Amino acid sequence: MPKKDAPPRWDRRMQQRLARGEAAALGELYDRFATLVHGLAHRVLGDEHAADGITREVFAHVWQHPESYDPGQGPLRSWVAHLTHRLAVQRLRATETAALEGGHGTSEELEHKVRHASVAARADFIVQSMPAPLRAALELAYFQRRDYRQTAIDLGVTEDEARRRLRLGLQLLSTAHDAGTPGAPPGYGGAV
């Protein structure tokens, strides 16, 4: 079993490799986080083309400014997710502000849209970051509409264990609404 400090050590090494300009490091980072970045951007913007643009911007920023990541503030994954969220919300606000100036919608509608997109993006991040057993239980219960008994059978665990996994997964997900909670990216989460 890997040590608990393995990801932060990987994070620090990755930052050092990026700072030295190792193109292979950027490729490795992209392979590890591109799906997360694109998914979060798409969730906020609701547009595939715009999500592609944000994905390029995020990795360009990481490549050009690896020193802006502080390993003491949390995992590299959280920093990348926060950066993605920030850039996507900026793009959403710019797009919606242009629509407002064109007479389409109100500023209250814009802020509601931004809040909704932010909560959805945090929820996606939480689900992707939770341990596989919790994520599997939630996916069975909510996407495949299984109750806890069916979930227990599908996972090969006791009903009590299935209920525990579902309860814990839901507790983690409930933090998506709260800024600065344990479910938000540590050191980077919270307010928009």
Protein backbone atom coordinates (compact mmCIF):
# COMPACT_ATOMS: atom_id res chain seq x y z
CA MET A 1 0.00 0.00 0.00
CA PRO A 2 1.43 3.43 -0.93
CA LYS A 3 2.35 5.87 1.79
CA LYS A 4 -0.05 8.72 2.53
CA ASP A 5 2.54 11.33 1.57
CA ALA A 6 3.11 9.91 -1.95
CA PRO A 7 0.78 12.33 -3.82
CA PRO A 8 2.22 15.51 -2.26
CA ARG A 9 5.74 14.29 -3.07
CA TRP A 10 4.59 13.64 -6.65
CA ASP A 11 3.05 17.12 -6.68
CA ARG A 12 6.32 18.75 -5.60
CA ARG A 13 8.36 16.74 -8.11
CA MET A 14 5.92 17.63 -10.88
CA GLN A 15 6.18 21.32 -10.02
CA GLN A 16 9.99 21.12 -10.07
CA ARG A 17 9.97 19.33 -13.44
CA LEU A 18 7.62 21.94 -14.90
CA ALA A 19 9.81 24.74 -13.54
CA ARG A 20 12.80 23.16 -15.33
CA GLY A 21 10.76 23.22 -18.54
CA GLU A 22 10.41 19.44 -18.98
CA ALA A 23 7.89 18.97 -21.77
CA ALA A 24 7.41 15.34 -20.66
CA ALA A 25 6.17 16.63 -17.29
CA LEU A 26 3.50 18.71 -19.00
CA GLY A 27 2.44 15.64 -20.99
CA GLU A 28 2.23 13.55 -17.82
CA LEU A 29 0.24 16.26 -16.05
CA TYR A 30 -2.10 16.55 -19.04
CA ASP A 31 -2.64 12.77 -19.10
CA ARG A 32 -3.49 12.80 -15.42
CA PHE A 33 -5.74 15.88 -15.25
CA ALA A 34 -7.11 16.68 -18.73
CA THR A 35 -10.35 14.79 -18.15
CA LEU A 36 -10.89 16.60 -14.83
CA VAL A 37 -10.11 20.01 -16.35
CA HIS A 38 -12.28 19.54 -19.42
CA GLY A 39 -15.14 18.08 -17.36
CA LEU A 40 -15.16 20.94 -14.87
CA ALA A 41 -14.93 23.56 -17.62
CA HIS A 42 -17.74 21.91 -19.56
CA ARG A 43 -19.86 21.72 -16.42
CA VAL A 44 -19.46 25.46 -15.80
CA LEU A 45 -19.76 26.62 -19.41
CA GLY A 46 -22.05 24.00 -20.92
CA ASP A 47 -20.16 24.25 -24.20
CA GLU A 48 -17.67 21.74 -25.61
CA HIS A 49 -15.72 24.30 -27.66
CA ALA A 50 -15.42 26.69 -24.72
CA ALA A 51 -14.33 23.81 -22.44
CA ASP A 52 -11.61 22.93 -24.97
CA GLY A 53 -10.39 26.54 -24.80
CA ILE A 54 -10.33 26.56 -21.01
CA THR A 55 -8.44 23.26 -21.01
CA ARG A 56 -5.77 24.81 -23.24
CA GLU A 57 -5.64 27.93 -21.02
CA VAL A 58 -5.24 25.90 -17.83
CA PHE A 59 -2.35 23.82 -19.12
CA ALA A 60 -0.72 26.86 -20.72
CA HIS A 61 -0.92 28.66 -17.36
CA VAL A 62 0.53 25.66 -15.49
CA TRP A 63 3.36 25.43 -18.04
CA GLN A 64 4.14 29.15 -17.90
CA HIS A 65 3.66 29.63 -14.14
CA PRO A 66 4.45 26.39 -12.26
CA GLU A 67 5.69 28.50 -9.33
CA SER A 68 2.15 29.74 -8.69
CA TYR A 69 1.30 26.32 -7.24
CA ASP A 70 2.04 26.10 -3.51
CA PRO A 71 2.23 22.48 -2.30
CA GLY A 72 1.62 23.74 1.24
CA GLN A 73 -1.87 24.85 0.24
CA GLY A 74 -3.07 21.45 -0.95
CA PRO A 75 -2.74 18.87 -3.69
CA LEU A 76 -1.84 19.79 -7.25
CA ARG A 77 -5.16 18.26 -8.35
CA SER A 78 -7.06 20.77 -6.19
CA TRP A 79 -5.01 23.68 -7.50
CA VAL A 80 -5.62 22.63 -11.11
CA ALA A 81 -9.35 22.22 -10.37
CA HIS A 82 -9.50 25.65 -8.74
CA LEU A 83 -7.63 27.24 -11.64
CA THR A 84 -10.03 25.59 -14.08
CA HIS A 85 -13.04 26.75 -12.12
CA ARG A 86 -11.74 30.32 -11.88
CA LEU A 87 -10.98 30.58 -15.60
CA ALA A 88 -14.29 28.97 -16.58
CA VAL A 89 -16.29 31.30 -14.32
CA GLN A 90 -14.40 34.30 -15.75
CA ARG A 91 -15.30 33.12 -19.26
CA LEU A 92 -18.93 32.52 -18.24
CA ARG A 93 -19.18 35.99 -16.71
CA ALA A 94 -17.64 37.61 -19.78
CA THR A 95 -19.99 35.75 -22.10
CA GLU A 96 -23.04 36.47 -19.99
CA THR A 97 -22.06 40.12 -19.46
CA ALA A 98 -21.90 40.51 -23.23
CA ALA A 99 -25.38 38.97 -23.43
CA LEU A 100 -26.62 41.37 -20.72
CA GLU A 101 -25.24 44.33 -22.62
CA GLY A 102 -27.09 43.01 -25.65
CA GLY A 103 -30.32 43.12 -23.65
CA HIS A 104 -30.57 39.37 -22.91
CA GLY A 105 -31.13 38.60 -19.21
CA THR A 106 -30.42 40.33 -15.89
CA SER A 107 -27.43 40.51 -13.57
CA GLU A 108 -29.37 38.40 -11.03
CA GLU A 109 -29.77 35.68 -13.67
CA LEU A 110 -26.04 35.85 -14.39
CA GLU A 111 -25.08 35.46 -10.72
CA HIS A 112 -27.58 32.60 -10.32
CA LYS A 113 -26.03 30.89 -13.34
CA VAL A 114 -22.52 31.39 -11.96
CA ARG A 115 -23.51 30.07 -8.50
CA HIS A 116 -25.25 27.06 -10.04
CA ALA A 117 -22.25 26.28 -12.25
CA SER A 118 -19.88 26.66 -9.29
CA VAL A 119 -21.84 24.24 -7.10
CA ALA A 120 -22.08 21.75 -9.97
CA ALA A 121 -18.34 21.98 -10.63
CA ARG A 122 -17.53 21.49 -6.92
CA ALA A 123 -19.88 18.49 -6.82
CA ASP A 124 -18.14 16.98 -9.85
CA PHE A 125 -14.75 17.54 -8.23
CA ILE A 126 -15.92 15.93 -4.98
CA VAL A 127 -17.31 12.87 -6.75
CA GLN A 128 -14.16 12.44 -8.83
CA SER A 129 -11.95 12.85 -5.76
CA MET A 130 -13.79 10.53 -3.38
CA PRO A 131 -12.51 7.01 -2.78
CA ALA A 132 -13.61 4.47 -5.40
CA PRO A 133 -15.85 2.45 -3.01
CA LEU A 134 -17.91 5.56 -2.14
CA ARG A 135 -18.09 6.70 -5.76
CA ALA A 136 -19.19 3.21 -6.91
CA ALA A 137 -21.99 3.13 -4.31
CA LEU A 138 -23.24 6.58 -5.34
CA GLU A 139 -23.12 5.71 -9.02
CA LEU A 140 -25.16 2.56 -8.46
CA ALA A 141 -27.70 4.34 -6.28
CA TYR A 142 -28.17 7.46 -8.35
CA PHE A 143 -27.32 6.64 -11.95
CA GLN A 144 -28.60 3.08 -11.97
CA ARG A 145 -31.36 3.75 -9.42
CA ARG A 146 -30.39 0.94 -7.06
CA ASP A 147 -31.53 0.98 -3.44
CA TYR A 148 -29.03 0.20 -0.69
CA ARG A 149 -29.91 -3.53 -0.74
CA GLN A 150 -29.28 -3.80 -4.49
CA THR A 151 -26.15 -1.68 -4.12
CA ALA A 152 -24.88 -4.07 -1.43
CA ILE A 153 -25.45 -7.07 -3.70
CA ASP A 154 -23.82 -5.38 -6.71
CA LEU A 155 -20.78 -4.34 -4.66
CA GLY A 156 -20.54 -7.63 -2.74
CA VAL A 157 -20.76 -5.92 0.66
CA THR A 158 -23.18 -6.04 3.57
CA GLU A 159 -26.26 -3.85 3.60
CA ASP A 160 -24.80 -1.93 6.54
CA GLU A 161 -21.62 -1.26 4.56
CA ALA A 162 -23.63 -0.12 1.52
CA ARG A 163 -25.65 2.28 3.71
CA ARG A 164 -22.44 3.58 5.30
CA ARG A 165 -20.84 4.22 1.91
CA LEU A 166 -23.93 5.96 0.59
CA ARG A 167 -24.30 8.09 3.70
CA LEU A 168 -20.64 9.14 3.68
CA GLY A 169 -20.72 9.84 -0.07
CA LEU A 170 -23.81 12.01 0.35
CA GLN A 171 -22.25 13.85 3.27
CA LEU A 172 -19.21 14.65 1.13
CA LEU A 173 -21.43 15.75 -1.75
CA SER A 174 -23.51 18.00 0.50
CA THR A 175 -20.42 20.15 1.06
CA ALA A 176 -20.52 21.30 -2.58
CA HIS A 177 -22.88 24.10 -1.54
CA ASP A 178 -20.59 25.34 1.23
CA ALA A 179 -17.58 27.53 0.53
CA GLY A 180 -14.43 26.53 2.37
CA THR A 181 -15.73 23.17 3.62
CA PRO A 182 -13.76 19.94 3.73
CA GLY A 183 -15.34 18.93 0.41
CA ALA A 184 -14.01 22.00 -1.38
CA PRO A 185 -10.50 21.87 -2.76
CA PRO A 186 -8.25 22.51 0.28
CA GLY A 187 -6.68 25.92 0.33
CA TYR A 188 -8.18 26.78 -3.00
CA GLY A 189 -11.91 26.20 -2.58
CA GLY A 190 -14.73 28.32 -1.60
CA ALA A 191 -16.10 31.51 -2.90
CA VAL A 192 -16.27 32.40 -6.54
